[in-house]
Amino acid sequence: MSERDPWEYSLYIPNDPRAVTVCRRTLRLILTLHGLIRLADTAELIASELVSNAVRHTKGPAALRVRRSSGVLRIGAWDTDPEPPEPGERWEDLADAEGGRGIALTRACADVWGWQPLSRFGNRGKYVWCDLTAA
């Protein structure tokens, strides 16, 4: 497999706060094995925020998906809440806030982000994603 070949991994997780650590460490390993360690810190931060939101704000299972295609690394989290994510405040306005930083942090770190309705295994839900184009 060459560096230019696209790849994708999905990690399905239970609704458990420990899953955030499992996702973060799994993502770092994936990026290391694909020679993208330089993106690991930013990617881990984004994945942690997305998966934390999925676990914190829903009662069902969730999933982390990471793929690389055409020089773009896409990180996303699926959860069982079909409601769109709040667009979030501007990062600068959240300096003293105790919550609500997830999407703002994702927006600040990623080149682009979005969401879409997505059902999995009979569960309605959504997929929140972001792209890092330096991949």
N, C-alpha and C. Protein backbone atom coordinates (compact mmCIF):
# COMPACT_ATOMS: atom_id res chain seq x y z
N MET A 1 0.85 -1.18 0.00
CA MET A 1 0.00 0.00 0.00
C MET A 1 0.89 1.24 0.00
N SER A 2 0.69 2.11 -0.95
CA SER A 2 1.48 3.34 -1.01
C SER A 2 0.82 4.42 -0.15
N GLU A 3 1.58 5.49 0.09
CA GLU A 3 1.06 6.60 0.88
C GLU A 3 -0.13 7.27 0.21
N ARG A 4 -0.26 7.12 -1.09
CA ARG A 4 -1.34 7.78 -1.83
C ARG A 4 -2.63 6.96 -1.83
N ASP A 5 -2.56 5.69 -1.48
CA ASP A 5 -3.75 4.85 -1.45
C ASP A 5 -4.69 5.28 -0.33
N PRO A 6 -5.97 5.40 -0.60
CA PRO A 6 -6.91 5.76 0.46
C PRO A 6 -7.09 4.61 1.45
N TRP A 7 -7.42 4.95 2.68
CA TRP A 7 -7.71 3.96 3.71
C TRP A 7 -8.74 4.52 4.67
N GLU A 8 -9.39 3.61 5.40
CA GLU A 8 -10.41 4.01 6.36
C GLU A 8 -10.49 2.98 7.49
N TYR A 9 -10.67 3.49 8.71
CA TYR A 9 -10.87 2.66 9.89
C TYR A 9 -12.11 3.16 10.63
N SER A 10 -12.86 2.23 11.21
CA SER A 10 -13.99 2.57 12.06
C SER A 10 -13.86 1.81 13.37
N LEU A 11 -14.13 2.49 14.45
CA LEU A 11 -14.07 1.88 15.77
C LEU A 11 -15.42 2.12 16.45
N TYR A 12 -16.18 1.06 16.65
CA TYR A 12 -17.49 1.16 17.29
C TYR A 12 -17.30 1.05 18.80
N ILE A 13 -17.93 1.95 19.53
CA ILE A 13 -17.69 2.04 20.97
C ILE A 13 -19.00 2.04 21.74
N PRO A 14 -18.95 1.57 22.99
CA PRO A 14 -20.13 1.66 23.85
C PRO A 14 -20.24 3.08 24.41
N ASN A 15 -21.37 3.37 25.01
CA ASN A 15 -21.55 4.66 25.66
C ASN A 15 -20.87 4.60 27.02
N ASP A 16 -19.58 4.86 27.01
CA ASP A 16 -18.73 4.74 28.20
C ASP A 16 -17.63 5.79 28.09
N PRO A 17 -17.45 6.62 29.10
CA PRO A 17 -16.42 7.66 29.04
C PRO A 17 -15.01 7.11 28.77
N ARG A 18 -14.74 5.87 29.15
CA ARG A 18 -13.41 5.28 28.88
C ARG A 18 -13.16 5.09 27.39
N ALA A 19 -14.23 5.08 26.60
CA ALA A 19 -14.09 4.91 25.16
C ALA A 19 -13.33 6.06 24.52
N VAL A 20 -13.36 7.23 25.13
CA VAL A 20 -12.64 8.38 24.59
C VAL A 20 -11.14 8.08 24.56
N THR A 21 -10.62 7.53 25.64
CA THR A 21 -9.20 7.17 25.71
C THR A 21 -8.87 6.07 24.70
N VAL A 22 -9.74 5.07 24.58
CA VAL A 22 -9.52 3.99 23.62
C VAL A 22 -9.45 4.56 22.21
N CYS A 23 -10.35 5.47 21.88
CA CYS A 23 -10.36 6.08 20.54
C CYS A 23 -9.10 6.91 20.30
N ARG A 24 -8.73 7.70 21.28
CA ARG A 24 -7.55 8.56 21.14
C ARG A 24 -6.29 7.72 20.89
N ARG A 25 -6.11 6.69 21.68
CA ARG A 25 -4.90 5.85 21.54
C ARG A 25 -4.93 5.05 20.23
N THR A 26 -6.09 4.58 19.84
CA THR A 26 -6.22 3.84 18.58
C THR A 26 -5.90 4.76 17.40
N LEU A 27 -6.41 5.98 17.46
CA LEU A 27 -6.14 6.93 16.39
C LEU A 27 -4.65 7.23 16.28
N ARG A 28 -3.98 7.44 17.40
CA ARG A 28 -2.53 7.71 17.37
C ARG A 28 -1.80 6.54 16.72
N LEU A 29 -2.17 5.31 17.05
CA LEU A 29 -1.53 4.14 16.46
C LEU A 29 -1.76 4.09 14.95
N ILE A 30 -2.98 4.35 14.52
CA ILE A 30 -3.29 4.35 13.08
C ILE A 30 -2.43 5.38 12.36
N LEU A 31 -2.38 6.59 12.90
CA LEU A 31 -1.61 7.65 12.24
C LEU A 31 -0.11 7.34 12.24
N THR A 32 0.37 6.76 13.32
CA THR A 32 1.79 6.38 13.39
C THR A 32 2.11 5.34 12.32
N LEU A 33 1.28 4.31 12.21
CA LEU A 33 1.53 3.25 11.24
C LEU A 33 1.43 3.72 9.80
N HIS A 34 0.67 4.80 9.56
CA HIS A 34 0.54 5.34 8.21
C HIS A 34 1.47 6.52 7.95
N GLY A 35 2.43 6.76 8.87
CA GLY A 35 3.41 7.82 8.67
C GLY A 35 2.86 9.23 8.82
N LEU A 36 1.78 9.38 9.59
CA LEU A 36 1.17 10.69 9.78
C LEU A 36 1.26 11.15 11.24
N ILE A 37 2.32 10.77 11.92
CA ILE A 37 2.47 11.11 13.34
C ILE A 37 2.45 12.62 13.56
N ARG A 38 2.86 13.39 12.57
CA ARG A 38 2.87 14.85 12.74
C ARG A 38 1.47 15.41 12.94
N LEU A 39 0.45 14.66 12.55
CA LEU A 39 -0.94 15.11 12.73
C LEU A 39 -1.58 14.55 13.99
N ALA A 40 -0.87 13.70 14.71
CA ALA A 40 -1.48 12.96 15.81
C ALA A 40 -2.02 13.86 16.92
N ASP A 41 -1.27 14.85 17.34
CA ASP A 41 -1.74 15.70 18.45
C ASP A 41 -3.04 16.41 18.11
N THR A 42 -3.08 17.03 16.94
CA THR A 42 -4.30 17.74 16.52
C THR A 42 -5.44 16.75 16.29
N ALA A 43 -5.15 15.65 15.63
CA ALA A 43 -6.18 14.65 15.35
C ALA A 43 -6.75 14.06 16.65
N GLU A 44 -5.88 13.77 17.61
CA GLU A 44 -6.34 13.24 18.90
C GLU A 44 -7.23 14.24 19.62
N LEU A 45 -6.86 15.49 19.60
CA LEU A 45 -7.66 16.52 20.25
C LEU A 45 -9.05 16.60 19.63
N ILE A 46 -9.11 16.61 18.32
CA ILE A 46 -10.40 16.66 17.62
C ILE A 46 -11.22 15.42 17.90
N ALA A 47 -10.60 14.25 17.77
CA ALA A 47 -11.32 13.00 18.01
C ALA A 47 -11.84 12.93 19.45
N SER A 48 -11.04 13.37 20.40
CA SER A 48 -11.47 13.38 21.80
C SER A 48 -12.70 14.24 21.99
N GLU A 49 -12.73 15.40 21.38
CA GLU A 49 -13.89 16.28 21.50
C GLU A 49 -15.12 15.66 20.85
N LEU A 50 -14.96 15.12 19.65
CA LEU A 50 -16.11 14.54 18.94
C LEU A 50 -16.66 13.32 19.67
N VAL A 51 -15.78 12.44 20.11
CA VAL A 51 -16.23 11.23 20.81
C VAL A 51 -16.78 11.58 22.19
N SER A 52 -16.16 12.53 22.87
CA SER A 52 -16.69 12.96 24.18
C SER A 52 -18.11 13.48 24.05
N ASN A 53 -18.36 14.28 23.02
CA ASN A 53 -19.72 14.77 22.79
C ASN A 53 -20.68 13.63 22.52
N ALA A 54 -20.25 12.66 21.72
CA ALA A 54 -21.11 11.52 21.40
C ALA A 54 -21.46 10.73 22.66
N VAL A 55 -20.50 10.51 23.52
CA VAL A 55 -20.72 9.73 24.75
C VAL A 55 -21.52 10.54 25.77
N ARG A 56 -21.19 11.81 25.90
CA ARG A 56 -21.81 12.65 26.92
C ARG A 56 -23.27 12.99 26.60
N HIS A 57 -23.60 13.21 25.34
CA HIS A 57 -24.91 13.74 24.98
C HIS A 57 -25.87 12.71 24.41
N THR A 58 -25.48 11.44 24.38
CA THR A 58 -26.39 10.40 23.90
C THR A 58 -26.37 9.23 24.87
N LYS A 59 -27.30 8.33 24.69
CA LYS A 59 -27.37 7.15 25.56
C LYS A 59 -26.98 5.87 24.81
N GLY A 60 -26.82 5.96 23.51
CA GLY A 60 -26.56 4.77 22.71
C GLY A 60 -25.10 4.60 22.35
N PRO A 61 -24.83 3.65 21.46
CA PRO A 61 -23.46 3.42 21.00
C PRO A 61 -22.98 4.59 20.15
N ALA A 62 -21.70 4.57 19.82
CA ALA A 62 -21.09 5.60 18.98
C ALA A 62 -19.99 4.95 18.16
N ALA A 63 -19.39 5.73 17.30
CA ALA A 63 -18.28 5.22 16.48
C ALA A 63 -17.35 6.36 16.11
N LEU A 64 -16.08 6.02 16.02
CA LEU A 64 -15.07 6.93 15.50
C LEU A 64 -14.67 6.41 14.12
N ARG A 65 -14.63 7.31 13.15
CA ARG A 65 -14.18 6.91 11.82
C ARG A 65 -13.06 7.84 11.39
N VAL A 66 -12.01 7.28 10.85
CA VAL A 66 -10.88 8.07 10.35
C VAL A 66 -10.52 7.51 8.97
N ARG A 67 -10.36 8.43 8.03
CA ARG A 67 -9.97 8.00 6.69
C ARG A 67 -9.06 9.03 6.06
N ARG A 68 -8.25 8.54 5.16
CA ARG A 68 -7.36 9.41 4.39
C ARG A 68 -7.61 9.14 2.92
N SER A 69 -7.83 10.21 2.20
CA SER A 69 -8.06 10.10 0.77
C SER A 69 -7.65 11.41 0.11
N SER A 70 -6.91 11.33 -0.95
CA SER A 70 -6.49 12.52 -1.71
C SER A 70 -5.84 13.59 -0.84
N GLY A 71 -5.00 13.17 0.10
CA GLY A 71 -4.28 14.11 0.94
C GLY A 71 -5.09 14.75 2.05
N VAL A 72 -6.30 14.26 2.29
CA VAL A 72 -7.16 14.80 3.34
C VAL A 72 -7.41 13.73 4.39
N LEU A 73 -7.20 14.09 5.64
CA LEU A 73 -7.53 13.21 6.76
C LEU A 73 -8.87 13.65 7.30
N ARG A 74 -9.86 12.76 7.25
CA ARG A 74 -11.18 13.05 7.80
C ARG A 74 -11.36 12.27 9.09
N ILE A 75 -11.74 12.98 10.13
CA ILE A 75 -12.03 12.38 11.44
C ILE A 75 -13.48 12.66 11.73
N GLY A 76 -14.21 11.64 12.13
CA GLY A 76 -15.62 11.85 12.42
C GLY A 76 -16.12 10.94 13.52
N ALA A 77 -17.22 11.35 14.12
CA ALA A 77 -17.87 10.55 15.15
C ALA A 77 -19.34 10.44 14.83
N TRP A 78 -19.85 9.23 14.93
CA TRP A 78 -21.27 8.97 14.76
C TRP A 78 -21.87 8.75 16.14
N ASP A 79 -23.08 9.26 16.35
CA ASP A 79 -23.81 8.98 17.59
C ASP A 79 -25.29 8.82 17.30
N THR A 80 -26.05 8.46 18.32
CA THR A 80 -27.47 8.14 18.13
C THR A 80 -28.41 9.32 18.33
N ASP A 81 -27.88 10.52 18.41
CA ASP A 81 -28.72 11.70 18.51
C ASP A 81 -28.86 12.32 17.13
N PRO A 82 -30.06 12.33 16.55
CA PRO A 82 -30.21 12.86 15.19
C PRO A 82 -30.18 14.38 15.11
N GLU A 83 -30.18 15.06 16.24
CA GLU A 83 -30.19 16.52 16.23
C GLU A 83 -28.83 17.07 15.81
N PRO A 84 -28.82 18.15 15.02
CA PRO A 84 -27.53 18.72 14.60
C PRO A 84 -26.76 19.27 15.79
N PRO A 85 -25.44 19.28 15.69
CA PRO A 85 -24.65 19.86 16.77
C PRO A 85 -24.83 21.37 16.81
N GLU A 86 -24.71 21.92 18.00
CA GLU A 86 -24.73 23.37 18.12
C GLU A 86 -23.51 23.92 17.40
N PRO A 87 -23.65 25.02 16.67
CA PRO A 87 -22.50 25.53 15.94
C PRO A 87 -21.37 26.00 16.84
N GLY A 88 -21.66 26.24 18.08
CA GLY A 88 -20.61 26.62 19.02
C GLY A 88 -20.26 28.09 18.94
N GLU A 89 -19.73 28.56 20.02
CA GLU A 89 -19.27 29.94 20.11
C GLU A 89 -17.92 30.06 19.40
N ARG A 90 -17.50 31.29 19.22
CA ARG A 90 -16.14 31.50 18.72
C ARG A 90 -15.18 31.10 19.83
N TRP A 91 -14.05 30.52 19.46
CA TRP A 91 -13.08 30.05 20.44
C TRP A 91 -12.67 31.16 21.40
N GLU A 92 -12.50 32.35 20.88
CA GLU A 92 -12.07 33.49 21.70
C GLU A 92 -13.09 33.82 22.80
N ASP A 93 -14.36 33.52 22.56
CA ASP A 93 -15.42 33.84 23.52
C ASP A 93 -15.59 32.78 24.61
N LEU A 94 -14.82 31.71 24.54
CA LEU A 94 -15.01 30.59 25.47
C LEU A 94 -13.88 30.44 26.48
N ALA A 95 -13.04 31.43 26.62
CA ALA A 95 -11.85 31.31 27.47
C ALA A 95 -12.19 30.88 28.89
N ASP A 96 -13.25 31.39 29.47
CA ASP A 96 -13.60 31.07 30.85
C ASP A 96 -14.76 30.08 30.97
N ALA A 97 -15.27 29.59 29.87
CA ALA A 97 -16.40 28.67 29.90
C ALA A 97 -15.97 27.29 30.40
N GLU A 98 -16.86 26.63 31.14
CA GLU A 98 -16.56 25.28 31.63
C GLU A 98 -17.02 24.21 30.65
N GLY A 99 -17.85 24.56 29.70
CA GLY A 99 -18.34 23.60 28.73
C GLY A 99 -18.58 24.30 27.40
N GLY A 100 -19.00 23.52 26.41
CA GLY A 100 -19.33 24.09 25.11
C GLY A 100 -18.15 24.38 24.21
N ARG A 101 -17.01 23.82 24.53
CA ARG A 101 -15.83 24.11 23.72
C ARG A 101 -15.61 23.13 22.58
N GLY A 102 -16.29 22.01 22.58
CA GLY A 102 -16.01 20.93 21.63
C GLY A 102 -16.04 21.34 20.18
N ILE A 103 -17.17 21.87 19.72
CA ILE A 103 -17.28 22.25 18.31
C ILE A 103 -16.40 23.47 18.02
N ALA A 104 -16.32 24.41 18.97
CA ALA A 104 -15.45 25.58 18.76
C ALA A 104 -13.99 25.14 18.59
N LEU A 105 -13.56 24.19 19.40
CA LEU A 105 -12.20 23.68 19.31
C LEU A 105 -11.99 22.94 17.99
N THR A 106 -12.96 22.15 17.60
CA THR A 106 -12.89 21.43 16.33
C THR A 106 -12.80 22.43 15.18
N ARG A 107 -13.64 23.47 15.21
CA ARG A 107 -13.61 24.49 14.15
C ARG A 107 -12.25 25.18 14.11
N ALA A 108 -11.66 25.43 15.27
CA ALA A 108 -10.38 26.13 15.32
C ALA A 108 -9.23 25.27 14.78
N CYS A 109 -9.30 23.97 14.95
CA CYS A 109 -8.20 23.07 14.56
C CYS A 109 -8.33 22.51 13.15
N ALA A 110 -9.54 22.38 12.67
CA ALA A 110 -9.77 21.73 11.38
C ALA A 110 -9.85 22.74 10.25
N ASP A 111 -9.61 22.27 9.05
CA ASP A 111 -9.75 23.12 7.88
C ASP A 111 -11.22 23.34 7.53
N VAL A 112 -12.02 22.31 7.73
CA VAL A 112 -13.46 22.38 7.47
C VAL A 112 -14.13 21.33 8.33
N TRP A 113 -15.39 21.57 8.71
CA TRP A 113 -16.13 20.60 9.49
C TRP A 113 -17.59 20.64 9.05
N GLY A 114 -18.32 19.60 9.41
CA GLY A 114 -19.73 19.56 9.08
C GLY A 114 -20.39 18.38 9.77
N TRP A 115 -21.64 18.17 9.43
CA TRP A 115 -22.39 17.04 9.99
C TRP A 115 -23.42 16.60 8.97
N GLN A 116 -23.92 15.40 9.15
CA GLN A 116 -24.98 14.88 8.30
C GLN A 116 -25.78 13.85 9.07
N PRO A 117 -27.08 13.73 8.78
CA PRO A 117 -27.85 12.65 9.40
C PRO A 117 -27.31 11.31 8.90
N LEU A 118 -27.23 10.33 9.79
CA LEU A 118 -26.71 9.03 9.41
C LEU A 118 -27.23 7.97 10.37
N SER A 119 -27.86 6.95 9.84
CA SER A 119 -28.36 5.84 10.65
C SER A 119 -27.39 4.68 10.59
N ARG A 120 -27.25 3.99 11.72
CA ARG A 120 -26.39 2.80 11.81
C ARG A 120 -27.11 1.75 12.64
N PHE A 121 -27.09 0.54 12.17
CA PHE A 121 -27.63 -0.60 12.91
C PHE A 121 -29.04 -0.33 13.44
N GLY A 122 -29.86 0.33 12.64
CA GLY A 122 -31.23 0.62 13.04
C GLY A 122 -31.38 1.81 13.97
N ASN A 123 -30.30 2.49 14.30
CA ASN A 123 -30.35 3.67 15.17
C ASN A 123 -30.23 4.93 14.32
N ARG A 124 -31.21 5.82 14.46
CA ARG A 124 -31.08 7.14 13.82
C ARG A 124 -29.97 7.89 14.53
N GLY A 125 -29.30 8.74 13.81
CA GLY A 125 -28.23 9.50 14.43
C GLY A 125 -27.64 10.51 13.49
N LYS A 126 -26.42 10.92 13.82
CA LYS A 126 -25.71 11.90 13.00
C LYS A 126 -24.23 11.56 12.97
N TYR A 127 -23.57 12.10 11.98
CA TYR A 127 -22.13 11.95 11.81
C TYR A 127 -21.54 13.36 11.76
N VAL A 128 -20.67 13.69 12.73
CA VAL A 128 -19.99 14.97 12.77
C VAL A 128 -18.55 14.72 12.35
N TRP A 129 -18.06 15.49 11.39
CA TRP A 129 -16.74 15.23 10.82
C TRP A 129 -15.96 16.51 10.66
N CYS A 130 -14.67 16.35 10.48
CA CYS A 130 -13.80 17.48 10.14
C CYS A 130 -12.63 16.96 9.30
N ASP A 131 -12.06 17.86 8.52
CA ASP A 131 -10.95 17.51 7.63
C ASP A 131 -9.69 18.26 8.03
N LEU A 132 -8.59 17.55 7.94
CA LEU A 132 -7.26 18.14 8.06
C LEU A 132 -6.59 17.94 6.72
N THR A 133 -6.40 19.01 5.97
CA THR A 133 -5.89 18.89 4.60
C THR A 133 -4.38 18.78 4.53
N ALA A 134 -3.69 18.93 5.64
CA ALA A 134 -2.23 18.79 5.63
C ALA A 134 -1.81 17.33 5.60
N ALA A 135 -2.75 16.44 5.48
CA ALA A 135 -2.43 15.01 5.49
C ALA A 135 -1.80 14.61 4.17
